[in-house]
Amino acid sequence: MLFQDLHVWLDETPRSGAENMAVDEWLMQSVGEVPFLRIYSWDGDWVSLGYFQSLVDAKELFGKVPQLVRRWTGGGIVDHREDLTYTLAIPRSEELASRRGNESYGAIHREISRCLGEGGIGCQLTQEDSQNDSAACFERPVAWDLLGDDGTKLAGAGQRRTRWGILHQGSVVATEGALDGLGSFLSETCESHEPNETMIWTQMAVKYASKGWLARVP
């Protein structure tokens, strides 16, 4: 177990890309002393690109079909039309937040692997980066990503270290509901918690919906 206590939000409201990113940033800023797991979905067809990714590359990969949003975290370009998404907001007081990026990344993916395995989905951690240089996240496995039994990538994530702790945004290719029990693999004690600060994250979503944020050059 990575945590002693964990707040879990099975967010059943599909949200736009801008609102999903705003909710996650708000969770990080307000996490307090207890880690927070949010499992959520998207309203419409969305692709997210990492903080340092090129908007040009995203448009070349996916054209004009999906809508695009830029994440606050790093990582590649992710197609959210067929994946499951989750976020972990980890307070800086947690031991996991003191580990190096690859160590915290791998530790979380080990628990994802256990959760998927319990549901009959075979997968394993990869310990090296792929030679593929694609900007598309699921075409380029990196160390501590999860691969299926056929070698295809099943899970990846982006992280951001902040003054509040670590924000970890993850994507998993699996059947609906496969992550619903993830909290019990991450923590000894899970408490369902659904925040209601809608007005705050609606205001924060303005940034993620802006053309300036999407087109920003890192």
N, C-alpha and C. Protein backbone atom coordinates (compact mmCIF):
# COMPACT_ATOMS: atom_id res chain seq x y z
N MET A 1 0.84 -1.19 0.00
CA MET A 1 0.00 0.00 0.00
C MET A 1 0.88 1.26 0.00
N LEU A 2 0.49 2.23 -0.80
CA LEU A 2 1.27 3.47 -0.89
C LEU A 2 0.85 4.49 0.15
N PHE A 3 -0.41 4.42 0.58
CA PHE A 3 -0.94 5.42 1.51
C PHE A 3 -1.66 4.76 2.67
N GLN A 4 -1.74 5.47 3.77
CA GLN A 4 -2.52 4.98 4.90
C GLN A 4 -3.99 5.36 4.73
N ASP A 5 -4.23 6.58 4.25
CA ASP A 5 -5.59 7.06 4.03
C ASP A 5 -5.68 7.65 2.63
N LEU A 6 -6.87 7.59 2.05
CA LEU A 6 -7.07 8.09 0.69
C LEU A 6 -8.51 8.54 0.51
N HIS A 7 -8.68 9.73 -0.06
CA HIS A 7 -9.99 10.18 -0.49
C HIS A 7 -10.21 9.72 -1.92
N VAL A 8 -11.38 9.16 -2.21
CA VAL A 8 -11.67 8.61 -3.54
C VAL A 8 -12.93 9.26 -4.09
N TRP A 9 -12.83 9.74 -5.32
CA TRP A 9 -13.96 10.36 -6.01
C TRP A 9 -14.17 9.66 -7.33
N LEU A 10 -15.21 8.84 -7.43
CA LEU A 10 -15.62 8.27 -8.71
C LEU A 10 -16.51 9.31 -9.38
N ASP A 11 -15.89 10.18 -10.14
CA ASP A 11 -16.57 11.34 -10.73
C ASP A 11 -17.42 10.87 -11.91
N GLU A 12 -18.72 10.81 -11.72
CA GLU A 12 -19.62 10.27 -12.74
C GLU A 12 -20.10 11.32 -13.74
N THR A 13 -19.66 12.55 -13.59
CA THR A 13 -20.07 13.62 -14.50
C THR A 13 -19.06 13.78 -15.63
N PRO A 14 -19.42 13.42 -16.88
CA PRO A 14 -18.49 13.68 -17.99
C PRO A 14 -18.25 15.17 -18.12
N ARG A 15 -16.98 15.55 -18.30
CA ARG A 15 -16.63 16.97 -18.32
C ARG A 15 -15.80 17.29 -19.57
N SER A 16 -15.81 18.56 -19.94
CA SER A 16 -14.98 19.00 -21.06
C SER A 16 -13.51 18.89 -20.67
N GLY A 17 -12.64 18.97 -21.67
CA GLY A 17 -11.22 18.91 -21.40
C GLY A 17 -10.77 20.01 -20.45
N ALA A 18 -11.26 21.24 -20.69
CA ALA A 18 -10.86 22.37 -19.86
C ALA A 18 -11.31 22.17 -18.41
N GLU A 19 -12.54 21.69 -18.21
CA GLU A 19 -13.03 21.50 -16.84
C GLU A 19 -12.30 20.36 -16.16
N ASN A 20 -12.04 19.26 -16.87
CA ASN A 20 -11.29 18.16 -16.26
C ASN A 20 -9.92 18.61 -15.77
N MET A 21 -9.24 19.39 -16.58
CA MET A 21 -7.91 19.87 -16.19
C MET A 21 -8.01 20.85 -15.02
N ALA A 22 -9.05 21.67 -15.03
CA ALA A 22 -9.23 22.63 -13.93
C ALA A 22 -9.53 21.92 -12.62
N VAL A 23 -10.39 20.88 -12.68
CA VAL A 23 -10.70 20.12 -11.46
C VAL A 23 -9.41 19.53 -10.89
N ASP A 24 -8.57 18.97 -11.75
CA ASP A 24 -7.33 18.34 -11.27
C ASP A 24 -6.39 19.37 -10.65
N GLU A 25 -6.27 20.53 -11.27
CA GLU A 25 -5.40 21.56 -10.67
C GLU A 25 -5.96 22.00 -9.33
N TRP A 26 -7.28 22.15 -9.25
CA TRP A 26 -7.89 22.54 -7.97
C TRP A 26 -7.65 21.47 -6.91
N LEU A 27 -7.76 20.20 -7.28
CA LEU A 27 -7.51 19.11 -6.33
C LEU A 27 -6.09 19.21 -5.77
N MET A 28 -5.13 19.49 -6.65
CA MET A 28 -3.74 19.59 -6.20
C MET A 28 -3.57 20.73 -5.22
N GLN A 29 -4.17 21.87 -5.52
CA GLN A 29 -3.99 23.05 -4.68
C GLN A 29 -4.71 22.95 -3.35
N SER A 30 -5.72 22.07 -3.28
CA SER A 30 -6.53 21.99 -2.06
C SER A 30 -6.43 20.63 -1.38
N VAL A 31 -5.41 19.84 -1.72
CA VAL A 31 -5.35 18.45 -1.29
C VAL A 31 -5.24 18.29 0.22
N GLY A 32 -4.65 19.22 0.92
CA GLY A 32 -4.51 19.08 2.38
C GLY A 32 -3.50 18.00 2.73
N GLU A 33 -3.83 17.14 3.71
CA GLU A 33 -2.90 16.12 4.19
C GLU A 33 -3.25 14.71 3.73
N VAL A 34 -4.39 14.54 3.06
CA VAL A 34 -4.82 13.21 2.63
C VAL A 34 -4.77 13.13 1.10
N PRO A 35 -4.08 12.15 0.54
CA PRO A 35 -4.04 11.98 -0.92
C PRO A 35 -5.44 11.83 -1.49
N PHE A 36 -5.59 12.24 -2.74
CA PHE A 36 -6.90 12.24 -3.37
C PHE A 36 -6.82 11.51 -4.71
N LEU A 37 -7.71 10.53 -4.91
CA LEU A 37 -7.82 9.81 -6.17
C LEU A 37 -9.14 10.19 -6.83
N ARG A 38 -9.05 10.64 -8.08
CA ARG A 38 -10.25 10.94 -8.87
C ARG A 38 -10.22 10.08 -10.13
N ILE A 39 -11.33 9.39 -10.40
CA ILE A 39 -11.50 8.60 -11.62
C ILE A 39 -12.63 9.26 -12.40
N TYR A 40 -12.38 9.59 -13.67
CA TYR A 40 -13.33 10.46 -14.36
C TYR A 40 -13.42 10.16 -15.85
N SER A 41 -14.35 10.86 -16.54
CA SER A 41 -14.57 10.66 -17.97
C SER A 41 -14.68 12.02 -18.66
N TRP A 42 -14.86 11.98 -19.97
CA TRP A 42 -14.82 13.16 -20.82
C TRP A 42 -16.15 13.37 -21.54
N ASP A 43 -16.54 14.61 -21.68
CA ASP A 43 -17.74 14.98 -22.41
C ASP A 43 -17.35 15.29 -23.85
N GLY A 44 -17.49 14.29 -24.73
CA GLY A 44 -17.09 14.46 -26.12
C GLY A 44 -15.76 13.79 -26.41
N ASP A 45 -15.26 14.05 -27.61
CA ASP A 45 -14.00 13.46 -28.06
C ASP A 45 -12.85 14.41 -27.76
N TRP A 46 -11.93 13.95 -26.91
CA TRP A 46 -10.83 14.81 -26.46
C TRP A 46 -9.48 14.13 -26.59
N VAL A 47 -8.49 14.95 -26.89
CA VAL A 47 -7.08 14.56 -26.86
C VAL A 47 -6.36 15.58 -25.98
N SER A 48 -5.54 15.11 -25.05
CA SER A 48 -4.76 16.04 -24.22
C SER A 48 -3.29 15.95 -24.58
N LEU A 49 -2.62 17.09 -24.51
CA LEU A 49 -1.19 17.10 -24.76
C LEU A 49 -0.47 17.60 -23.52
N GLY A 50 0.71 17.02 -23.28
CA GLY A 50 1.49 17.38 -22.11
C GLY A 50 1.95 18.83 -22.13
N TYR A 51 2.34 19.31 -20.98
CA TYR A 51 2.74 20.72 -20.80
C TYR A 51 3.80 21.15 -21.80
N PHE A 52 4.69 20.22 -22.17
CA PHE A 52 5.80 20.57 -23.07
C PHE A 52 5.59 20.10 -24.51
N GLN A 53 4.41 19.55 -24.81
CA GLN A 53 4.19 19.01 -26.14
C GLN A 53 3.80 20.08 -27.15
N SER A 54 4.05 19.78 -28.42
CA SER A 54 3.78 20.71 -29.51
C SER A 54 2.33 20.60 -29.98
N LEU A 55 1.66 21.73 -30.09
CA LEU A 55 0.30 21.75 -30.62
C LEU A 55 0.30 21.31 -32.09
N VAL A 56 1.34 21.67 -32.82
CA VAL A 56 1.46 21.26 -34.22
C VAL A 56 1.50 19.75 -34.33
N ASP A 57 2.29 19.11 -33.47
CA ASP A 57 2.37 17.65 -33.48
C ASP A 57 1.01 17.02 -33.19
N ALA A 58 0.29 17.59 -32.22
CA ALA A 58 -1.02 17.04 -31.85
C ALA A 58 -1.99 17.13 -33.03
N LYS A 59 -1.98 18.24 -33.73
CA LYS A 59 -2.87 18.40 -34.88
C LYS A 59 -2.47 17.47 -36.03
N GLU A 60 -1.17 17.24 -36.19
CA GLU A 60 -0.72 16.32 -37.24
C GLU A 60 -1.13 14.89 -36.92
N LEU A 61 -1.09 14.54 -35.65
CA LEU A 61 -1.44 13.17 -35.26
C LEU A 61 -2.94 12.90 -35.33
N PHE A 62 -3.75 13.88 -34.93
CA PHE A 62 -5.18 13.63 -34.74
C PHE A 62 -6.10 14.48 -35.61
N GLY A 63 -5.56 15.42 -36.36
CA GLY A 63 -6.39 16.24 -37.24
C GLY A 63 -7.38 17.09 -36.47
N LYS A 64 -8.54 17.31 -37.06
CA LYS A 64 -9.54 18.21 -36.48
C LYS A 64 -10.69 17.47 -35.81
N VAL A 65 -10.62 16.14 -35.76
CA VAL A 65 -11.75 15.38 -35.23
C VAL A 65 -11.92 15.58 -33.72
N PRO A 66 -10.90 15.28 -32.89
CA PRO A 66 -11.08 15.49 -31.46
C PRO A 66 -10.79 16.93 -31.07
N GLN A 67 -11.28 17.32 -29.91
CA GLN A 67 -10.93 18.62 -29.35
C GLN A 67 -9.63 18.45 -28.55
N LEU A 68 -8.85 19.51 -28.47
CA LEU A 68 -7.55 19.45 -27.83
C LEU A 68 -7.52 20.30 -26.56
N VAL A 69 -6.82 19.79 -25.56
CA VAL A 69 -6.60 20.54 -24.33
C VAL A 69 -5.18 20.26 -23.84
N ARG A 70 -4.52 21.27 -23.30
CA ARG A 70 -3.17 21.09 -22.78
C ARG A 70 -3.23 20.82 -21.28
N ARG A 71 -2.50 19.79 -20.84
CA ARG A 71 -2.46 19.44 -19.42
C ARG A 71 -1.48 20.35 -18.65
N TRP A 72 -1.59 20.30 -17.35
CA TRP A 72 -0.65 20.98 -16.45
C TRP A 72 0.56 20.09 -16.20
N THR A 73 0.40 18.79 -16.48
CA THR A 73 1.47 17.82 -16.26
C THR A 73 2.24 17.56 -17.55
N GLY A 74 3.35 16.83 -17.43
CA GLY A 74 4.15 16.48 -18.59
C GLY A 74 3.57 15.27 -19.31
N GLY A 75 4.45 14.55 -20.03
CA GLY A 75 4.00 13.36 -20.75
C GLY A 75 3.66 13.67 -22.19
N GLY A 76 3.18 12.64 -22.91
CA GLY A 76 2.93 12.75 -24.33
C GLY A 76 1.52 13.21 -24.66
N ILE A 77 1.13 12.96 -25.90
CA ILE A 77 -0.18 13.33 -26.40
C ILE A 77 -1.09 12.11 -26.27
N VAL A 78 -2.24 12.28 -25.60
CA VAL A 78 -3.08 11.14 -25.23
C VAL A 78 -4.48 11.27 -25.82
N ASP A 79 -4.91 10.21 -26.48
CA ASP A 79 -6.27 10.13 -27.03
C ASP A 79 -7.19 9.58 -25.94
N HIS A 80 -8.17 10.38 -25.53
CA HIS A 80 -9.05 9.98 -24.43
C HIS A 80 -10.39 9.43 -24.91
N ARG A 81 -10.48 9.09 -26.18
CA ARG A 81 -11.76 8.61 -26.71
C ARG A 81 -12.04 7.17 -26.32
N GLU A 82 -11.01 6.41 -25.95
CA GLU A 82 -11.23 5.00 -25.61
C GLU A 82 -10.47 4.58 -24.35
N ASP A 83 -10.07 5.52 -23.52
CA ASP A 83 -9.29 5.16 -22.34
C ASP A 83 -10.08 5.42 -21.06
N LEU A 84 -9.49 5.02 -19.94
CA LEU A 84 -9.98 5.38 -18.61
C LEU A 84 -8.97 6.35 -18.03
N THR A 85 -9.44 7.38 -17.35
CA THR A 85 -8.53 8.38 -16.81
C THR A 85 -8.70 8.54 -15.31
N TYR A 86 -7.59 8.81 -14.66
CA TYR A 86 -7.59 9.01 -13.21
C TYR A 86 -6.55 10.06 -12.85
N THR A 87 -6.71 10.64 -11.70
CA THR A 87 -5.75 11.61 -11.18
C THR A 87 -5.45 11.30 -9.72
N LEU A 88 -4.19 11.40 -9.35
CA LEU A 88 -3.78 11.32 -7.96
C LEU A 88 -3.16 12.65 -7.56
N ALA A 89 -3.71 13.26 -6.53
CA ALA A 89 -3.11 14.45 -5.93
C ALA A 89 -2.46 14.00 -4.63
N ILE A 90 -1.12 14.06 -4.58
CA ILE A 90 -0.36 13.49 -3.47
C ILE A 90 0.28 14.61 -2.66
N PRO A 91 -0.11 14.81 -1.41
CA PRO A 91 0.47 15.89 -0.60
C PRO A 91 1.97 15.71 -0.42
N ARG A 92 2.66 16.83 -0.28
CA ARG A 92 4.12 16.77 -0.13
C ARG A 92 4.53 16.10 1.17
N SER A 93 3.60 15.99 2.13
CA SER A 93 3.90 15.31 3.40
C SER A 93 3.98 13.80 3.26
N GLU A 94 3.48 13.25 2.14
CA GLU A 94 3.50 11.81 1.92
C GLU A 94 4.90 11.35 1.50
N GLU A 95 5.30 10.17 1.97
CA GLU A 95 6.61 9.63 1.63
C GLU A 95 6.78 9.49 0.12
N LEU A 96 5.72 9.13 -0.58
CA LEU A 96 5.80 8.94 -2.03
C LEU A 96 6.21 10.24 -2.74
N ALA A 97 5.79 11.37 -2.20
CA ALA A 97 6.10 12.66 -2.82
C ALA A 97 7.58 13.01 -2.71
N SER A 98 8.31 12.33 -1.82
CA SER A 98 9.74 12.61 -1.66
C SER A 98 10.60 11.77 -2.60
N ARG A 99 9.99 10.79 -3.26
CA ARG A 99 10.75 9.94 -4.17
C ARG A 99 11.01 10.65 -5.51
N ARG A 100 12.01 10.17 -6.22
CA ARG A 100 12.27 10.69 -7.55
C ARG A 100 11.10 10.38 -8.48
N GLY A 101 11.03 11.14 -9.58
CA GLY A 101 9.90 11.00 -10.49
C GLY A 101 9.68 9.59 -10.99
N ASN A 102 10.76 8.93 -11.43
CA ASN A 102 10.57 7.57 -11.96
C ASN A 102 10.17 6.59 -10.87
N GLU A 103 10.59 6.85 -9.62
CA GLU A 103 10.25 5.95 -8.52
C GLU A 103 8.77 6.08 -8.14
N SER A 104 8.28 7.31 -8.04
CA SER A 104 6.86 7.49 -7.72
C SER A 104 5.98 7.01 -8.86
N TYR A 105 6.43 7.25 -10.09
CA TYR A 105 5.71 6.80 -11.28
C TYR A 105 5.58 5.28 -11.29
N GLY A 106 6.70 4.60 -11.06
CA GLY A 106 6.70 3.15 -11.05
C GLY A 106 5.88 2.57 -9.92
N ALA A 107 5.95 3.19 -8.74
CA ALA A 107 5.20 2.69 -7.59
C ALA A 107 3.69 2.74 -7.85
N ILE A 108 3.23 3.83 -8.46
CA ILE A 108 1.80 3.95 -8.77
C ILE A 108 1.40 2.92 -9.81
N HIS A 109 2.24 2.73 -10.82
CA HIS A 109 1.90 1.78 -11.88
C HIS A 109 1.92 0.33 -11.39
N ARG A 110 2.71 0.05 -10.37
CA ARG A 110 2.67 -1.30 -9.80
C ARG A 110 1.29 -1.60 -9.22
N GLU A 111 0.71 -0.59 -8.57
CA GLU A 111 -0.63 -0.79 -8.00
C GLU A 111 -1.69 -0.83 -9.09
N ILE A 112 -1.50 -0.06 -10.16
CA ILE A 112 -2.41 -0.15 -11.30
C ILE A 112 -2.37 -1.56 -11.87
N SER A 113 -1.15 -2.12 -11.97
CA SER A 113 -0.97 -3.46 -12.49
C SER A 113 -1.72 -4.49 -11.63
N ARG A 114 -1.61 -4.35 -10.31
CA ARG A 114 -2.31 -5.26 -9.41
C ARG A 114 -3.81 -5.15 -9.59
N CYS A 115 -4.30 -3.93 -9.73
CA CYS A 115 -5.73 -3.69 -9.90
C CYS A 115 -6.22 -4.32 -11.20
N LEU A 116 -5.50 -4.09 -12.29
CA LEU A 116 -5.90 -4.65 -13.57
C LEU A 116 -5.81 -6.18 -13.55
N GLY A 117 -4.75 -6.68 -12.93
CA GLY A 117 -4.57 -8.13 -12.84
C GLY A 117 -5.71 -8.79 -12.09
N GLU A 118 -6.19 -8.15 -11.05
CA GLU A 118 -7.32 -8.68 -10.29
C GLU A 118 -8.56 -8.81 -11.18
N GLY A 119 -8.63 -7.92 -12.18
CA GLY A 119 -9.76 -7.96 -13.10
C GLY A 119 -9.51 -8.81 -14.33
N GLY A 120 -8.41 -9.56 -14.33
CA GLY A 120 -8.13 -10.47 -15.42
C GLY A 120 -7.39 -9.86 -16.60
N ILE A 121 -6.83 -8.67 -16.41
CA ILE A 121 -6.08 -8.01 -17.48
C ILE A 121 -4.59 -8.18 -17.21
N GLY A 122 -3.93 -8.99 -18.03
CA GLY A 122 -2.51 -9.23 -17.83
C GLY A 122 -1.67 -8.05 -18.28
N CYS A 123 -0.71 -7.66 -17.47
CA CYS A 123 0.17 -6.55 -17.83
C CYS A 123 1.46 -6.62 -17.01
N GLN A 124 2.45 -5.86 -17.45
CA GLN A 124 3.73 -5.85 -16.76
C GLN A 124 4.40 -4.49 -16.92
N LEU A 125 5.24 -4.14 -15.97
CA LEU A 125 6.01 -2.90 -16.04
C LEU A 125 7.17 -3.06 -17.01
N THR A 126 7.39 -2.05 -17.84
CA THR A 126 8.58 -2.03 -18.67
C THR A 126 9.65 -1.20 -17.97
N GLN A 127 10.90 -1.60 -18.07
CA GLN A 127 11.97 -0.92 -17.34
C GLN A 127 12.87 -0.09 -18.25
N GLU A 128 12.46 0.09 -19.50
CA GLU A 128 13.28 0.91 -20.39
C GLU A 128 12.41 1.68 -21.37
N ASP A 129 12.97 2.78 -21.88
CA ASP A 129 12.25 3.60 -22.85
C ASP A 129 12.25 2.94 -24.21
N SER A 130 11.14 3.10 -24.92
CA SER A 130 11.05 2.61 -26.29
C SER A 130 11.93 3.46 -27.20
N GLN A 131 12.38 2.88 -28.32
CA GLN A 131 13.16 3.62 -29.30
C GLN A 131 12.25 4.44 -30.22
N ASN A 132 10.97 4.24 -30.12
CA ASN A 132 10.01 5.00 -30.92
C ASN A 132 10.01 6.46 -30.44
N ASP A 133 10.15 7.41 -31.35
CA ASP A 133 10.21 8.82 -30.95
C ASP A 133 8.89 9.55 -31.19
N SER A 134 7.79 8.81 -31.33
CA SER A 134 6.49 9.42 -31.56
C SER A 134 6.08 10.29 -30.37
N ALA A 135 5.38 11.40 -30.66
CA ALA A 135 4.84 12.25 -29.60
C ALA A 135 3.58 11.67 -28.99
N ALA A 136 2.99 10.66 -29.66
CA ALA A 136 1.77 10.02 -29.15
C ALA A 136 2.13 9.12 -27.98
N CYS A 137 1.53 9.39 -26.84
CA CYS A 137 1.89 8.69 -25.61
C CYS A 137 1.84 7.17 -25.75
N PHE A 138 0.77 6.64 -26.37
CA PHE A 138 0.58 5.19 -26.38
C PHE A 138 1.32 4.50 -27.53
N GLU A 139 2.05 5.27 -28.32
CA GLU A 139 2.93 4.68 -29.32
C GLU A 139 4.37 4.65 -28.84
N ARG A 140 4.63 5.26 -27.68
CA ARG A 140 6.01 5.36 -27.18
C ARG A 140 6.07 5.02 -25.69
N PRO A 141 6.14 3.75 -25.35
CA PRO A 141 6.28 3.38 -23.93
C PRO A 141 7.60 3.91 -23.36
N VAL A 142 7.54 4.36 -22.13
CA VAL A 142 8.76 4.76 -21.42
C VAL A 142 8.88 3.91 -20.17
N ALA A 143 10.03 4.00 -19.51
CA ALA A 143 10.26 3.18 -18.32
C ALA A 143 9.15 3.35 -17.30
N TRP A 144 8.68 2.22 -16.78
CA TRP A 144 7.66 2.09 -15.76
C TRP A 144 6.24 2.32 -16.27
N ASP A 145 6.08 2.36 -17.61
CA ASP A 145 4.74 2.25 -18.17
C ASP A 145 4.28 0.79 -18.06
N LEU A 146 2.99 0.56 -18.30
CA LEU A 146 2.45 -0.79 -18.27
C LEU A 146 2.20 -1.29 -19.69
N LEU A 147 2.68 -2.51 -19.97
CA LEU A 147 2.46 -3.14 -21.26
C LEU A 147 1.57 -4.36 -21.09
N GLY A 148 0.72 -4.60 -22.09
CA GLY A 148 -0.11 -5.78 -22.07
C GLY A 148 0.68 -7.01 -22.45
N ASP A 149 0.06 -8.15 -22.38
CA ASP A 149 0.73 -9.41 -22.70
C ASP A 149 1.22 -9.45 -24.15
N ASP A 150 0.59 -8.64 -25.02
CA ASP A 150 1.00 -8.60 -26.42
C ASP A 150 2.05 -7.53 -26.69
N GLY A 151 2.50 -6.84 -25.64
CA GLY A 151 3.54 -5.84 -25.79
C GLY A 151 3.04 -4.44 -26.07
N THR A 152 1.73 -4.25 -26.23
CA THR A 152 1.21 -2.91 -26.46
C THR A 152 1.07 -2.15 -25.14
N LYS A 153 1.16 -0.85 -25.21
CA LYS A 153 1.09 -0.03 -24.01
C LYS A 153 -0.34 0.05 -23.49
N LEU A 154 -0.50 -0.20 -22.19
CA LEU A 154 -1.82 -0.15 -21.55
C LEU A 154 -1.98 1.06 -20.65
N ALA A 155 -0.89 1.57 -20.08
CA ALA A 155 -1.02 2.65 -19.12
C ALA A 155 0.19 3.57 -19.16
N GLY A 156 -0.08 4.87 -19.14
CA GLY A 156 0.95 5.88 -19.06
C GLY A 156 0.44 7.03 -18.21
N ALA A 157 1.30 7.99 -17.94
CA ALA A 157 0.90 9.09 -17.07
C ALA A 157 1.83 10.28 -17.25
N GLY A 158 1.39 11.42 -16.74
CA GLY A 158 2.22 12.61 -16.66
C GLY A 158 2.21 13.11 -15.23
N GLN A 159 3.31 13.70 -14.80
CA GLN A 159 3.39 14.21 -13.44
C GLN A 159 3.82 15.68 -13.43
N ARG A 160 3.46 16.35 -12.35
CA ARG A 160 3.95 17.70 -12.09
C ARG A 160 4.22 17.82 -10.60
N ARG A 161 5.42 18.27 -10.26
CA ARG A 161 5.76 18.53 -8.87
C ARG A 161 5.47 19.98 -8.55
N THR A 162 4.72 20.20 -7.48
CA THR A 162 4.30 21.54 -7.11
C THR A 162 4.64 21.78 -5.64
N ARG A 163 4.39 23.00 -5.18
CA ARG A 163 4.64 23.29 -3.76
C ARG A 163 3.66 22.56 -2.85
N TRP A 164 2.56 22.04 -3.42
CA TRP A 164 1.59 21.29 -2.62
C TRP A 164 1.89 19.79 -2.61
N GLY A 165 2.67 19.31 -3.60
CA GLY A 165 2.96 17.89 -3.71
C GLY A 165 3.08 17.47 -5.16
N ILE A 166 2.62 16.26 -5.49
CA ILE A 166 2.71 15.74 -6.86
C ILE A 166 1.31 15.57 -7.44
N LEU A 167 1.14 16.08 -8.65
CA LEU A 167 -0.07 15.80 -9.42
C LEU A 167 0.29 14.75 -10.45
N HIS A 168 -0.42 13.63 -10.43
CA HIS A 168 -0.19 12.49 -11.33
C HIS A 168 -1.46 12.25 -12.11
N GLN A 169 -1.42 12.47 -13.43
CA GLN A 169 -2.58 12.26 -14.29
C GLN A 169 -2.33 11.04 -15.17
N GLY A 170 -3.17 10.03 -15.05
CA GLY A 170 -2.93 8.76 -15.73
C GLY A 170 -4.01 8.37 -16.70
N SER A 171 -3.61 7.57 -17.69
CA SER A 171 -4.51 7.05 -18.72
C SER A 171 -4.30 5.55 -18.84
N VAL A 172 -5.40 4.79 -18.88
CA VAL A 172 -5.33 3.33 -18.95
C VAL A 172 -6.29 2.84 -20.03
N VAL A 173 -5.79 1.98 -20.91
CA VAL A 173 -6.64 1.36 -21.92
C VAL A 173 -7.21 0.07 -21.33
N ALA A 174 -8.45 0.11 -20.92
CA ALA A 174 -9.09 -1.04 -20.28
C ALA A 174 -10.59 -0.86 -20.37
N THR A 175 -11.32 -1.90 -20.02
CA THR A 175 -12.78 -1.85 -20.08
C THR A 175 -13.34 -0.95 -18.99
N GLU A 176 -14.52 -0.41 -19.25
CA GLU A 176 -15.16 0.49 -18.29
C GLU A 176 -15.31 -0.18 -16.93
N GLY A 177 -14.95 0.56 -15.89
CA GLY A 177 -15.06 0.04 -14.53
C GLY A 177 -13.81 -0.64 -14.02
N ALA A 178 -12.80 -0.82 -14.89
CA ALA A 178 -11.60 -1.57 -14.49
C ALA A 178 -10.81 -0.88 -13.39
N LEU A 179 -10.99 0.43 -13.25
CA LEU A 179 -10.24 1.17 -12.22
C LEU A 179 -11.08 1.51 -10.99
N ASP A 180 -12.35 1.12 -10.98
CA ASP A 180 -13.23 1.55 -9.89
C ASP A 180 -12.74 1.11 -8.52
N GLY A 181 -12.02 -0.02 -8.45
CA GLY A 181 -11.52 -0.50 -7.16
C GLY A 181 -10.09 -0.13 -6.89
N LEU A 182 -9.53 0.79 -7.68
CA LEU A 182 -8.12 1.12 -7.55
C LEU A 182 -7.75 1.63 -6.16
N GLY A 183 -8.63 2.37 -5.53
CA GLY A 183 -8.33 2.93 -4.22
C GLY A 183 -7.89 1.89 -3.21
N SER A 184 -8.49 0.72 -3.24
CA SER A 184 -8.16 -0.33 -2.28
C SER A 184 -6.78 -0.92 -2.51
N PHE A 185 -6.20 -0.72 -3.69
CA PHE A 185 -4.84 -1.17 -3.96
C PHE A 185 -3.81 -0.11 -3.58
N LEU A 186 -4.27 1.12 -3.47
CA LEU A 186 -3.37 2.23 -3.15
C LEU A 186 -3.30 2.51 -1.65
N SER A 187 -4.37 2.24 -0.93
CA SER A 187 -4.45 2.67 0.46
C SER A 187 -5.15 1.65 1.35
N GLU A 188 -4.75 1.64 2.61
CA GLU A 188 -5.38 0.77 3.61
C GLU A 188 -6.81 1.22 3.91
N THR A 189 -7.01 2.53 3.92
CA THR A 189 -8.33 3.08 4.25
C THR A 189 -8.75 4.06 3.17
N CYS A 190 -9.91 3.81 2.56
CA CYS A 190 -10.44 4.69 1.52
C CYS A 190 -11.76 5.31 1.99
N GLU A 191 -11.88 6.59 1.75
CA GLU A 191 -13.12 7.30 2.10
C GLU A 191 -13.65 7.99 0.86
N SER A 192 -14.90 7.69 0.53
CA SER A 192 -15.53 8.35 -0.61
C SER A 192 -15.70 9.83 -0.32
N HIS A 193 -15.29 10.65 -1.26
CA HIS A 193 -15.35 12.10 -1.03
C HIS A 193 -15.62 12.80 -2.36
N GLU A 194 -16.74 13.50 -2.46
CA GLU A 194 -17.10 14.22 -3.67
C GLU A 194 -17.14 15.71 -3.38
N PRO A 195 -16.15 16.47 -3.83
CA PRO A 195 -16.13 17.90 -3.56
C PRO A 195 -17.24 18.62 -4.33
N ASN A 196 -17.62 19.79 -3.84
CA ASN A 196 -18.70 20.54 -4.49
C ASN A 196 -18.28 21.97 -4.83
N GLU A 197 -16.98 22.18 -5.01
CA GLU A 197 -16.48 23.53 -5.29
C GLU A 197 -16.57 23.85 -6.78
N THR A 198 -17.75 23.63 -7.35
CA THR A 198 -17.93 23.77 -8.79
C THR A 198 -17.56 25.16 -9.29
N MET A 199 -17.94 26.18 -8.57
CA MET A 199 -17.68 27.55 -9.03
C MET A 199 -16.19 27.82 -9.16
N ILE A 200 -15.40 27.26 -8.24
CA ILE A 200 -13.96 27.51 -8.26
C ILE A 200 -13.33 26.90 -9.50
N TRP A 201 -13.60 25.63 -9.77
CA TRP A 201 -12.94 25.01 -10.92
C TRP A 201 -13.55 25.47 -12.24
N THR A 202 -14.80 25.94 -12.22
CA THR A 202 -15.35 26.53 -13.44
C THR A 202 -14.59 27.79 -13.81
N GLN A 203 -14.23 28.58 -12.81
CA GLN A 203 -13.43 29.78 -13.06
C GLN A 203 -12.03 29.42 -13.53
N MET A 204 -11.45 28.37 -12.95
CA MET A 204 -10.11 27.94 -13.34
C MET A 204 -10.08 27.36 -14.75
N ALA A 205 -11.23 26.84 -15.20
CA ALA A 205 -11.29 26.22 -16.52
C ALA A 205 -11.08 27.23 -17.64
N VAL A 206 -11.28 28.51 -17.35
CA VAL A 206 -11.10 29.56 -18.37
C VAL A 206 -9.68 29.50 -18.93
N LYS A 207 -8.70 29.25 -18.05
CA LYS A 207 -7.31 29.16 -18.51
C LYS A 207 -7.14 28.02 -19.49
N TYR A 208 -7.66 26.85 -19.16
CA TYR A 208 -7.45 25.67 -19.99
C TYR A 208 -8.24 25.74 -21.31
N ALA A 209 -9.28 26.55 -21.34
CA ALA A 209 -10.08 26.71 -22.56
C ALA A 209 -9.51 27.77 -23.49
N SER A 210 -8.54 28.54 -23.02
CA SER A 210 -8.03 29.67 -23.81
C SER A 210 -7.08 29.19 -24.91
N LYS A 211 -7.10 29.92 -26.02
CA LYS A 211 -6.20 29.62 -27.13
C LYS A 211 -4.75 29.85 -26.73
N GLY A 212 -4.53 30.83 -25.87
CA GLY A 212 -3.18 31.12 -25.42
C GLY A 212 -2.55 29.97 -24.66
N TRP A 213 -3.32 29.33 -23.79
CA TRP A 213 -2.79 28.19 -23.04
C TRP A 213 -2.53 27.00 -23.96
N LEU A 214 -3.47 26.74 -24.86
CA LEU A 214 -3.31 25.60 -25.77
C LEU A 214 -2.10 25.77 -26.68
N ALA A 215 -1.88 26.96 -27.15
CA ALA A 215 -0.82 27.21 -28.14
C ALA A 215 0.49 27.63 -27.51
N ARG A 216 0.56 27.65 -26.17
CA ARG A 216 1.75 28.15 -25.50
C ARG A 216 3.00 27.39 -25.96
N VAL A 217 4.11 28.09 -26.02
CA VAL A 217 5.38 27.47 -26.40
C VAL A 217 6.22 27.33 -25.13
N PRO A 218 6.46 26.09 -24.68
CA PRO A 218 7.22 25.90 -23.43
C PRO A 218 8.62 26.50 -23.54
